[in-house]
Amino acid sequence: QISFMSQADGRLSLQIMDMTGRIVADLFNSDVQAGVVYKSDFDASTLPAGVYMVRLNSGSQSDIDRIQIAK
């Protein structure tokens, strides 16, 4: 499960990408309210072990973090 929060009201998307930038999972794409914690389920069982990027995009701003999936 991935938790996230926006600093402003608006549309937010959450995606998982492999290291080449290919989107492997679209987890969230909806309107959000500032200061509210949202949670998205992420089933990594279909992905091979490795390093992936989590991208949180609000249109004008994008945050990227890395995660490692180990099996």
Protein backbone atom coordinates (compact mmCIF):
# COMPACT_ATOMS: atom_id res chain seq x y z
CA GLN A 1 0.00 0.00 0.00
CA ILE A 2 1.31 3.45 -0.92
CA SER A 3 0.19 6.52 1.05
CA PHE A 4 0.41 10.05 -0.31
CA MET A 5 -0.87 13.56 0.28
CA SER A 6 -1.20 16.65 -1.89
CA GLN A 7 -0.38 20.18 -0.78
CA ALA A 8 -3.12 21.63 -3.00
CA ASP A 9 -6.57 20.68 -4.27
CA GLY A 10 -6.58 19.27 -7.78
CA ARG A 11 -6.03 16.19 -9.92
CA LEU A 12 -3.31 13.76 -8.90
CA SER A 13 -1.91 10.65 -10.55
CA LEU A 14 0.29 7.92 -9.10
CA GLN A 15 2.25 5.59 -11.37
CA ILE A 16 4.92 2.92 -11.05
CA MET A 17 7.60 2.95 -13.75
CA ASP A 18 10.50 0.66 -14.53
CA MET A 19 14.00 2.12 -14.85
CA THR A 20 13.51 2.75 -18.58
CA GLY A 21 10.54 5.04 -17.80
CA ARG A 22 7.88 2.60 -19.00
CA ILE A 23 4.71 2.75 -16.90
CA VAL A 24 4.07 -0.67 -15.38
CA ALA A 25 1.15 0.30 -13.10
CA ASP A 26 -1.37 3.16 -12.94
CA LEU A 27 -2.44 3.24 -9.30
CA PHE A 28 -4.39 6.47 -8.89
CA ASN A 29 -5.83 9.22 -11.09
CA SER A 30 -8.44 11.36 -9.40
CA ASP A 31 -9.22 14.69 -7.78
CA VAL A 32 -7.79 15.18 -4.29
CA GLN A 33 -8.10 17.65 -1.42
CA ALA A 34 -5.08 19.32 0.16
CA GLY A 35 -3.87 17.79 3.43
CA VAL A 36 -5.86 14.56 3.09
CA VAL A 37 -3.91 11.27 3.17
CA TYR A 38 -4.83 8.93 0.33
CA LYS A 39 -3.86 5.26 0.03
CA SER A 40 -3.48 3.09 -3.04
CA ASP A 41 -3.04 -0.67 -3.11
CA PHE A 42 -0.06 -1.91 -5.09
CA ASP A 43 0.30 -5.60 -5.98
CA ALA A 44 3.95 -6.11 -6.90
CA SER A 45 3.61 -9.88 -7.34
CA THR A 46 3.38 -9.59 -11.14
CA LEU A 47 6.58 -7.52 -11.45
CA PRO A 48 10.08 -8.97 -11.49
CA ALA A 49 12.47 -8.10 -8.68
CA GLY A 50 14.32 -4.84 -9.23
CA VAL A 51 14.29 -1.08 -8.74
CA TYR A 52 11.23 0.92 -9.80
CA MET A 53 10.21 4.57 -9.70
CA VAL A 54 7.04 5.86 -8.06
CA ARG A 55 5.83 9.05 -9.76
CA LEU A 56 3.27 11.33 -8.10
CA ASN A 57 2.12 13.93 -10.63
CA SER A 58 -0.15 16.93 -10.02
CA GLY A 59 0.11 18.45 -13.49
CA SER A 60 2.40 21.33 -12.60
CA GLN A 61 4.55 19.34 -10.16
CA SER A 62 6.01 15.85 -10.20
CA ASP A 63 7.73 13.92 -7.41
CA ILE A 64 9.66 10.71 -8.05
CA ASP A 65 10.91 8.20 -5.47
CA ARG A 66 12.59 4.85 -5.98
CA ILE A 67 11.45 1.56 -4.52
CA GLN A 68 13.04 -1.86 -4.62
CA ILE A 69 11.02 -5.02 -5.09
CA ALA A 70 12.70 -8.14 -3.73
CA LYS A 71 11.41 -11.66 -4.16
